Amino acid sequence: MHVEAKKPHLRDYFIAVFLLVLLFWAPLAYHTDFKLPRSEVSIGGTTIAVELAENSSERQKGLSGRSALPEGEGMLLVFDEPDRYGIWMPDMHFPIDVVWIGADRRIVHITEGIVPESYPTIFQPDLPATSILELPAGTVARYGWRAGDEVTLTRSTD
């Protein structure tokens, strides 16, 4: 009995190329930092440039996977409703200060110097907050910020 080898169809080539692209692209897509909207936060006369994480996936990713955060910059996680939102440090590579901000635009809680090794500990405020400001460790001490300080958010147009 003679069996002929079936010739691959063009469709089979397209499927193979698609799977190869997907195989190599997926890990890169996970580690790519997508550009978030930028804004500024002012506390006690100091202005910090921030990236805004305004939806669930952006807030969940946060600063994870980054190697550092430049001085004078931060990330502001913005929520629709006040609550005692917690943070933890999965896939973090540098320590941060965390400032929880209430609906009245005042600092309600601060935790300084949270290190990556603290994972899976969850840090959360004593009072409800509507946003969380993540900053390089040492920022809060450098500027002397305290609970009760007023916070101003300036929305950027970009």
N, C-alpha and C. Protein backbone atom coordinates (compact mmCIF):
# COMPACT_ATOMS: atom_id res chain seq x y z
N MET A 1 0.85 -1.17 0.00
CA MET A 1 0.00 0.00 0.00
C MET A 1 0.89 1.23 0.00
N HIS A 2 0.56 2.13 -0.84
CA HIS A 2 1.33 3.36 -0.99
C HIS A 2 0.52 4.53 -0.44
N VAL A 3 1.13 5.26 0.53
CA VAL A 3 0.46 6.42 1.12
C VAL A 3 1.23 7.67 0.72
N GLU A 4 0.52 8.62 0.16
CA GLU A 4 1.16 9.88 -0.22
C GLU A 4 1.14 10.85 0.96
N ALA A 5 2.23 11.57 1.11
CA ALA A 5 2.28 12.60 2.15
C ALA A 5 1.38 13.75 1.72
N LYS A 6 0.62 14.20 2.67
CA LYS A 6 -0.29 15.31 2.40
C LYS A 6 0.51 16.61 2.40
N LYS A 7 0.31 17.42 1.36
CA LYS A 7 0.99 18.71 1.28
C LYS A 7 0.32 19.70 2.22
N PRO A 8 1.14 20.47 2.96
CA PRO A 8 0.53 21.47 3.85
C PRO A 8 -0.14 22.58 3.05
N HIS A 9 -1.25 23.03 3.56
CA HIS A 9 -1.98 24.13 2.94
C HIS A 9 -1.42 25.45 3.42
N LEU A 10 -1.67 26.49 2.67
CA LEU A 10 -1.25 27.82 3.04
C LEU A 10 -1.78 28.20 4.42
N ARG A 11 -2.99 27.76 4.71
CA ARG A 11 -3.60 28.02 6.02
C ARG A 11 -2.73 27.47 7.15
N ASP A 12 -2.14 26.30 6.95
CA ASP A 12 -1.28 25.69 7.97
C ASP A 12 -0.05 26.57 8.25
N TYR A 13 0.50 27.17 7.21
CA TYR A 13 1.63 28.08 7.39
C TYR A 13 1.23 29.31 8.20
N PHE A 14 0.08 29.88 7.89
CA PHE A 14 -0.40 31.04 8.62
C PHE A 14 -0.61 30.71 10.10
N ILE A 15 -1.16 29.57 10.38
CA ILE A 15 -1.39 29.15 11.77
C ILE A 15 -0.05 29.00 12.48
N ALA A 16 0.93 28.38 11.83
CA ALA A 16 2.25 28.19 12.45
C ALA A 16 2.92 29.53 12.74
N VAL A 17 2.86 30.45 11.77
CA VAL A 17 3.47 31.77 11.97
C VAL A 17 2.76 32.51 13.09
N PHE A 18 1.43 32.45 13.12
CA PHE A 18 0.67 33.10 14.19
C PHE A 18 1.07 32.57 15.56
N LEU A 19 1.18 31.25 15.68
CA LEU A 19 1.55 30.65 16.97
C LEU A 19 2.97 31.06 17.39
N LEU A 20 3.88 31.13 16.43
CA LEU A 20 5.24 31.57 16.76
C LEU A 20 5.27 33.02 17.23
N VAL A 21 4.55 33.88 16.52
CA VAL A 21 4.48 35.30 16.92
C VAL A 21 3.88 35.41 18.31
N LEU A 22 2.81 34.70 18.55
CA LEU A 22 2.16 34.72 19.86
C LEU A 22 3.10 34.23 20.95
N LEU A 23 3.83 33.16 20.67
CA LEU A 23 4.75 32.58 21.63
C LEU A 23 5.84 33.57 22.05
N PHE A 24 6.36 34.34 21.09
CA PHE A 24 7.43 35.28 21.40
C PHE A 24 6.92 36.64 21.85
N TRP A 25 5.74 37.04 21.44
CA TRP A 25 5.20 38.35 21.77
C TRP A 25 4.60 38.39 23.17
N ALA A 26 3.94 37.33 23.61
CA ALA A 26 3.22 37.34 24.89
C ALA A 26 4.12 37.71 26.07
N PRO A 27 5.29 37.10 26.24
CA PRO A 27 6.14 37.51 27.38
C PRO A 27 6.58 38.96 27.30
N LEU A 28 6.85 39.45 26.09
CA LEU A 28 7.25 40.85 25.94
C LEU A 28 6.11 41.79 26.30
N ALA A 29 4.91 41.45 25.91
CA ALA A 29 3.75 42.29 26.20
C ALA A 29 3.52 42.41 27.69
N TYR A 30 3.74 41.35 28.43
CA TYR A 30 3.53 41.38 29.88
C TYR A 30 4.49 42.36 30.54
N HIS A 31 5.70 42.44 30.07
CA HIS A 31 6.72 43.27 30.73
C HIS A 31 6.81 44.68 30.17
N THR A 32 6.07 44.97 29.13
CA THR A 32 6.09 46.32 28.57
C THR A 32 5.30 47.26 29.46
N ASP A 33 5.89 48.40 29.77
CA ASP A 33 5.17 49.41 30.54
C ASP A 33 4.36 50.26 29.58
N PHE A 34 3.06 50.11 29.64
CA PHE A 34 2.20 50.91 28.80
C PHE A 34 2.14 52.32 29.39
N LYS A 35 2.06 53.29 28.52
CA LYS A 35 2.07 54.67 28.97
C LYS A 35 0.75 55.01 29.67
N LEU A 36 0.86 55.44 30.90
CA LEU A 36 -0.30 55.87 31.68
C LEU A 36 -0.42 57.38 31.60
N PRO A 37 -1.64 57.92 31.81
CA PRO A 37 -1.78 59.37 31.86
C PRO A 37 -0.92 59.95 32.98
N ARG A 38 -0.42 61.16 32.77
CA ARG A 38 0.43 61.80 33.77
C ARG A 38 -0.29 63.00 34.37
N SER A 39 0.12 63.35 35.58
CA SER A 39 -0.46 64.47 36.29
C SER A 39 0.56 64.95 37.32
N GLU A 40 0.13 65.83 38.20
CA GLU A 40 0.98 66.30 39.29
C GLU A 40 0.20 66.30 40.60
N VAL A 41 0.90 65.94 41.66
CA VAL A 41 0.35 65.98 43.01
C VAL A 41 1.20 66.95 43.81
N SER A 42 0.55 67.86 44.55
CA SER A 42 1.28 68.80 45.40
C SER A 42 0.89 68.58 46.85
N ILE A 43 1.91 68.48 47.70
CA ILE A 43 1.72 68.32 49.15
C ILE A 43 2.71 69.25 49.84
N GLY A 44 2.20 70.15 50.67
CA GLY A 44 3.08 71.02 51.44
C GLY A 44 4.09 71.78 50.62
N GLY A 45 3.71 72.27 49.46
CA GLY A 45 4.62 73.05 48.64
C GLY A 45 5.54 72.24 47.74
N THR A 46 5.47 70.92 47.81
CA THR A 46 6.27 70.05 46.95
C THR A 46 5.39 69.44 45.88
N THR A 47 5.84 69.49 44.64
CA THR A 47 5.08 68.91 43.53
C THR A 47 5.79 67.67 43.02
N ILE A 48 5.01 66.60 42.86
CA ILE A 48 5.50 65.31 42.38
C ILE A 48 4.81 65.00 41.06
N ALA A 49 5.56 64.62 40.04
CA ALA A 49 4.98 64.15 38.77
C ALA A 49 4.52 62.71 38.98
N VAL A 50 3.29 62.42 38.60
CA VAL A 50 2.74 61.07 38.82
C VAL A 50 2.15 60.49 37.55
N GLU A 51 2.19 59.16 37.50
CA GLU A 51 1.42 58.42 36.52
C GLU A 51 0.12 58.06 37.21
N LEU A 52 -0.98 58.11 36.47
CA LEU A 52 -2.30 57.81 37.04
C LEU A 52 -2.72 56.39 36.68
N ALA A 53 -2.96 55.58 37.69
CA ALA A 53 -3.50 54.23 37.51
C ALA A 53 -4.97 54.31 37.91
N GLU A 54 -5.86 54.36 36.90
CA GLU A 54 -7.26 54.66 37.18
C GLU A 54 -8.21 53.49 36.99
N ASN A 55 -7.74 52.37 36.47
CA ASN A 55 -8.64 51.22 36.36
C ASN A 55 -8.03 50.02 37.08
N SER A 56 -8.80 48.99 37.21
CA SER A 56 -8.41 47.84 38.01
C SER A 56 -7.09 47.21 37.55
N SER A 57 -6.92 47.02 36.25
CA SER A 57 -5.69 46.37 35.78
C SER A 57 -4.47 47.26 35.99
N GLU A 58 -4.62 48.58 35.79
CA GLU A 58 -3.51 49.50 36.02
C GLU A 58 -3.14 49.54 37.50
N ARG A 59 -4.16 49.57 38.37
CA ARG A 59 -3.88 49.60 39.82
C ARG A 59 -3.24 48.29 40.27
N GLN A 60 -3.70 47.18 39.73
CA GLN A 60 -3.15 45.88 40.13
C GLN A 60 -1.69 45.76 39.71
N LYS A 61 -1.35 46.23 38.53
CA LYS A 61 0.04 46.20 38.06
C LYS A 61 0.90 47.17 38.86
N GLY A 62 0.39 48.38 39.08
CA GLY A 62 1.13 49.37 39.86
C GLY A 62 2.56 49.53 39.38
N LEU A 63 3.50 49.49 40.30
CA LEU A 63 4.91 49.63 39.98
C LEU A 63 5.61 48.28 39.82
N SER A 64 4.86 47.19 39.89
CA SER A 64 5.45 45.86 39.77
C SER A 64 6.25 45.71 38.48
N GLY A 65 7.39 45.06 38.60
CA GLY A 65 8.23 44.78 37.44
C GLY A 65 9.19 45.89 37.07
N ARG A 66 9.04 47.05 37.63
CA ARG A 66 9.96 48.15 37.31
C ARG A 66 11.23 48.03 38.15
N SER A 67 12.31 48.56 37.61
CA SER A 67 13.58 48.47 38.33
C SER A 67 13.78 49.62 39.30
N ALA A 68 13.10 50.74 39.07
CA ALA A 68 13.27 51.92 39.94
C ALA A 68 12.17 52.93 39.63
N LEU A 69 12.11 53.94 40.48
CA LEU A 69 11.21 55.08 40.28
C LEU A 69 12.05 56.32 40.55
N PRO A 70 12.17 57.21 39.56
CA PRO A 70 13.02 58.40 39.75
C PRO A 70 12.54 59.30 40.89
N GLU A 71 13.48 59.99 41.52
CA GLU A 71 13.13 60.98 42.53
C GLU A 71 12.21 62.02 41.91
N GLY A 72 11.25 62.49 42.69
CA GLY A 72 10.33 63.50 42.20
C GLY A 72 9.20 62.94 41.37
N GLU A 73 9.11 61.61 41.30
CA GLU A 73 8.03 60.96 40.55
C GLU A 73 7.34 59.93 41.42
N GLY A 74 6.11 59.59 41.02
CA GLY A 74 5.34 58.60 41.75
C GLY A 74 4.24 58.03 40.89
N MET A 75 3.44 57.17 41.50
CA MET A 75 2.26 56.64 40.85
C MET A 75 1.08 56.87 41.78
N LEU A 76 -0.01 57.39 41.21
CA LEU A 76 -1.23 57.64 41.97
C LEU A 76 -2.29 56.63 41.53
N LEU A 77 -2.68 55.77 42.46
CA LEU A 77 -3.74 54.80 42.21
C LEU A 77 -5.04 55.46 42.63
N VAL A 78 -5.96 55.62 41.68
CA VAL A 78 -7.20 56.37 41.91
C VAL A 78 -8.38 55.41 41.94
N PHE A 79 -9.23 55.54 42.97
CA PHE A 79 -10.40 54.68 43.15
C PHE A 79 -11.68 55.51 43.09
N ASP A 80 -12.79 54.87 42.73
CA ASP A 80 -14.07 55.56 42.63
C ASP A 80 -14.72 55.82 43.99
N GLU A 81 -14.55 54.89 44.92
CA GLU A 81 -15.19 54.97 46.23
C GLU A 81 -14.15 54.88 47.34
N PRO A 82 -14.36 55.58 48.45
CA PRO A 82 -13.42 55.47 49.58
C PRO A 82 -13.51 54.08 50.23
N ASP A 83 -12.34 53.54 50.59
CA ASP A 83 -12.26 52.26 51.28
C ASP A 83 -10.86 52.13 51.87
N ARG A 84 -10.64 51.08 52.61
CA ARG A 84 -9.33 50.83 53.21
C ARG A 84 -8.50 49.96 52.27
N TYR A 85 -8.16 50.50 51.10
CA TYR A 85 -7.45 49.76 50.07
C TYR A 85 -6.05 49.40 50.55
N GLY A 86 -5.68 48.14 50.33
CA GLY A 86 -4.36 47.68 50.73
C GLY A 86 -3.42 47.56 49.54
N ILE A 87 -2.14 47.55 49.84
CA ILE A 87 -1.14 47.30 48.81
C ILE A 87 -0.19 46.22 49.30
N TRP A 88 0.44 45.55 48.35
CA TRP A 88 1.48 44.58 48.67
C TRP A 88 2.56 44.70 47.62
N MET A 89 3.62 43.93 47.74
CA MET A 89 4.82 44.16 46.93
C MET A 89 5.21 43.01 46.00
N PRO A 90 4.26 42.39 45.28
CA PRO A 90 4.68 41.32 44.37
C PRO A 90 5.48 41.89 43.20
N ASP A 91 6.55 41.21 42.83
CA ASP A 91 7.38 41.58 41.69
C ASP A 91 7.93 43.01 41.79
N MET A 92 8.13 43.49 43.03
CA MET A 92 8.74 44.82 43.24
C MET A 92 10.25 44.64 43.40
N HIS A 93 10.99 45.68 42.97
CA HIS A 93 12.45 45.59 42.99
C HIS A 93 13.10 46.74 43.75
N PHE A 94 12.30 47.57 44.42
CA PHE A 94 12.85 48.70 45.16
C PHE A 94 11.85 49.09 46.25
N PRO A 95 12.33 49.70 47.35
CA PRO A 95 11.42 50.09 48.44
C PRO A 95 10.65 51.36 48.09
N ILE A 96 9.46 51.49 48.69
CA ILE A 96 8.62 52.67 48.42
C ILE A 96 8.01 53.20 49.72
N ASP A 97 7.63 54.48 49.66
CA ASP A 97 6.76 55.09 50.67
C ASP A 97 5.36 55.10 50.08
N VAL A 98 4.35 54.90 50.92
CA VAL A 98 2.97 54.89 50.45
C VAL A 98 2.15 55.88 51.26
N VAL A 99 1.41 56.74 50.55
CA VAL A 99 0.58 57.77 51.16
C VAL A 99 -0.87 57.54 50.71
N TRP A 100 -1.76 57.29 51.68
CA TRP A 100 -3.18 57.13 51.38
C TRP A 100 -3.86 58.49 51.52
N ILE A 101 -4.71 58.84 50.55
CA ILE A 101 -5.34 60.15 50.50
C ILE A 101 -6.86 59.97 50.55
N GLY A 102 -7.51 60.69 51.47
CA GLY A 102 -8.95 60.58 51.66
C GLY A 102 -9.75 61.39 50.66
N ALA A 103 -11.06 61.20 50.70
CA ALA A 103 -11.98 61.92 49.81
C ALA A 103 -11.89 63.43 50.01
N ASP A 104 -11.47 63.88 51.20
CA ASP A 104 -11.33 65.31 51.48
C ASP A 104 -9.99 65.88 51.00
N ARG A 105 -9.22 65.05 50.25
CA ARG A 105 -7.91 65.44 49.70
C ARG A 105 -6.88 65.74 50.79
N ARG A 106 -6.96 64.98 51.87
CA ARG A 106 -5.95 65.08 52.94
C ARG A 106 -5.34 63.70 53.16
N ILE A 107 -4.09 63.69 53.58
CA ILE A 107 -3.41 62.42 53.87
C ILE A 107 -4.09 61.78 55.07
N VAL A 108 -4.52 60.51 54.91
CA VAL A 108 -5.15 59.79 56.02
C VAL A 108 -4.21 58.77 56.65
N HIS A 109 -3.16 58.36 55.91
CA HIS A 109 -2.25 57.35 56.45
C HIS A 109 -0.96 57.34 55.63
N ILE A 110 0.14 57.03 56.28
CA ILE A 110 1.45 56.92 55.61
C ILE A 110 2.15 55.67 56.12
N THR A 111 2.75 54.92 55.20
CA THR A 111 3.66 53.83 55.57
C THR A 111 4.95 54.07 54.78
N GLU A 112 6.05 54.18 55.50
CA GLU A 112 7.33 54.51 54.86
C GLU A 112 8.23 53.28 54.74
N GLY A 113 9.02 53.29 53.67
CA GLY A 113 10.08 52.29 53.50
C GLY A 113 9.61 50.85 53.37
N ILE A 114 8.54 50.62 52.63
CA ILE A 114 8.08 49.25 52.42
C ILE A 114 9.04 48.56 51.45
N VAL A 115 9.60 47.45 51.86
CA VAL A 115 10.61 46.75 51.06
C VAL A 115 9.99 45.59 50.28
N PRO A 116 10.59 45.24 49.13
CA PRO A 116 10.07 44.13 48.33
C PRO A 116 9.97 42.82 49.13
N GLU A 117 10.88 42.63 50.06
CA GLU A 117 10.90 41.39 50.84
C GLU A 117 9.70 41.27 51.78
N SER A 118 8.92 42.33 51.92
CA SER A 118 7.74 42.27 52.80
C SER A 118 6.60 41.46 52.19
N TYR A 119 6.66 41.19 50.87
CA TYR A 119 5.62 40.40 50.21
C TYR A 119 5.54 39.03 50.88
N PRO A 120 4.37 38.54 51.26
CA PRO A 120 3.01 38.90 50.87
C PRO A 120 2.24 39.75 51.90
N THR A 121 2.93 40.45 52.78
CA THR A 121 2.25 41.31 53.74
C THR A 121 1.43 42.38 53.01
N ILE A 122 0.22 42.63 53.49
CA ILE A 122 -0.64 43.66 52.92
C ILE A 122 -0.63 44.86 53.85
N PHE A 123 -0.38 46.04 53.31
CA PHE A 123 -0.37 47.28 54.07
C PHE A 123 -1.64 48.05 53.73
N GLN A 124 -2.35 48.50 54.78
CA GLN A 124 -3.56 49.28 54.52
C GLN A 124 -3.75 50.34 55.58
N PRO A 125 -4.52 51.37 55.24
CA PRO A 125 -4.69 52.50 56.15
C PRO A 125 -5.71 52.19 57.25
N ASP A 126 -5.71 53.03 58.27
CA ASP A 126 -6.71 52.91 59.34
C ASP A 126 -8.04 53.52 58.92
N LEU A 127 -7.98 54.48 57.99
CA LEU A 127 -9.17 55.19 57.53
C LEU A 127 -9.37 54.98 56.03
N PRO A 128 -10.59 55.17 55.53
CA PRO A 128 -10.83 55.02 54.09
C PRO A 128 -10.06 56.06 53.27
N ALA A 129 -9.67 55.64 52.07
CA ALA A 129 -8.95 56.52 51.14
C ALA A 129 -9.57 56.38 49.75
N THR A 130 -9.38 57.40 48.92
CA THR A 130 -9.83 57.35 47.53
C THR A 130 -8.65 57.27 46.57
N SER A 131 -7.44 57.44 47.08
CA SER A 131 -6.26 57.28 46.23
C SER A 131 -5.06 56.90 47.08
N ILE A 132 -4.09 56.30 46.40
CA ILE A 132 -2.85 55.86 47.04
C ILE A 132 -1.70 56.41 46.21
N LEU A 133 -0.79 57.10 46.87
CA LEU A 133 0.39 57.66 46.21
C LEU A 133 1.60 56.81 46.58
N GLU A 134 2.24 56.21 45.55
CA GLU A 134 3.44 55.40 45.76
C GLU A 134 4.65 56.21 45.28
N LEU A 135 5.67 56.26 46.14
CA LEU A 135 6.83 57.12 45.92
C LEU A 135 8.13 56.38 46.25
N PRO A 136 9.27 56.83 45.74
CA PRO A 136 10.53 56.23 46.17
C PRO A 136 10.70 56.35 47.69
N ALA A 137 11.22 55.31 48.32
CA ALA A 137 11.43 55.33 49.77
C ALA A 137 12.27 56.55 50.15
N GLY A 138 11.89 57.18 51.25
CA GLY A 138 12.60 58.35 51.76
C GLY A 138 11.94 59.67 51.38
N THR A 139 11.00 59.63 50.45
CA THR A 139 10.34 60.87 49.99
C THR A 139 9.55 61.53 51.11
N VAL A 140 8.77 60.75 51.86
CA VAL A 140 7.92 61.30 52.92
C VAL A 140 8.79 61.97 53.99
N ALA A 141 9.86 61.31 54.42
CA ALA A 141 10.74 61.89 55.44
C ALA A 141 11.44 63.14 54.92
N ARG A 142 11.86 63.11 53.65
CA ARG A 142 12.56 64.25 53.06
C ARG A 142 11.72 65.51 53.11
N TYR A 143 10.41 65.38 52.88
CA TYR A 143 9.54 66.56 52.84
C TYR A 143 8.73 66.76 54.12
N GLY A 144 8.82 65.84 55.06
CA GLY A 144 8.14 66.00 56.34
C GLY A 144 6.62 65.91 56.27
N TRP A 145 6.10 65.15 55.33
CA TRP A 145 4.65 65.02 55.20
C TRP A 145 4.07 64.23 56.37
N ARG A 146 2.83 64.59 56.74
CA ARG A 146 2.14 63.94 57.87
C ARG A 146 0.67 63.74 57.54
N ALA A 147 0.03 62.84 58.28
CA ALA A 147 -1.42 62.67 58.15
C ALA A 147 -2.07 64.02 58.42
N GLY A 148 -3.06 64.36 57.61
CA GLY A 148 -3.75 65.63 57.73
C GLY A 148 -3.29 66.67 56.73
N ASP A 149 -2.09 66.48 56.13
CA ASP A 149 -1.61 67.44 55.13
C ASP A 149 -2.55 67.44 53.92
N GLU A 150 -2.74 68.62 53.34
CA GLU A 150 -3.61 68.77 52.17
C GLU A 150 -2.88 68.33 50.90
N VAL A 151 -3.62 67.69 50.00
CA VAL A 151 -3.09 67.18 48.73
C VAL A 151 -3.86 67.81 47.57
N THR A 152 -3.12 68.32 46.58
CA THR A 152 -3.75 68.89 45.39
C THR A 152 -3.33 68.07 44.18
N LEU A 153 -4.32 67.67 43.37
CA LEU A 153 -4.06 66.94 42.14
C LEU A 153 -4.34 67.86 40.96
N THR A 154 -3.34 68.02 40.10
CA THR A 154 -3.51 68.81 38.88
C THR A 154 -3.57 67.86 37.71
N ARG A 155 -4.70 67.77 37.04
CA ARG A 155 -4.85 66.87 35.90
C ARG A 155 -4.07 67.40 34.71
N SER A 156 -3.31 66.52 34.08
CA SER A 156 -2.56 66.87 32.89
C SER A 156 -3.46 66.75 31.66
N THR A 157 -3.09 67.43 30.61
CA THR A 157 -3.89 67.38 29.39
C THR A 157 -3.37 66.36 28.40
N ASP A 158 -2.22 65.67 28.70
CA ASP A 158 -1.71 64.71 27.70
C ASP A 158 -2.28 63.34 27.86
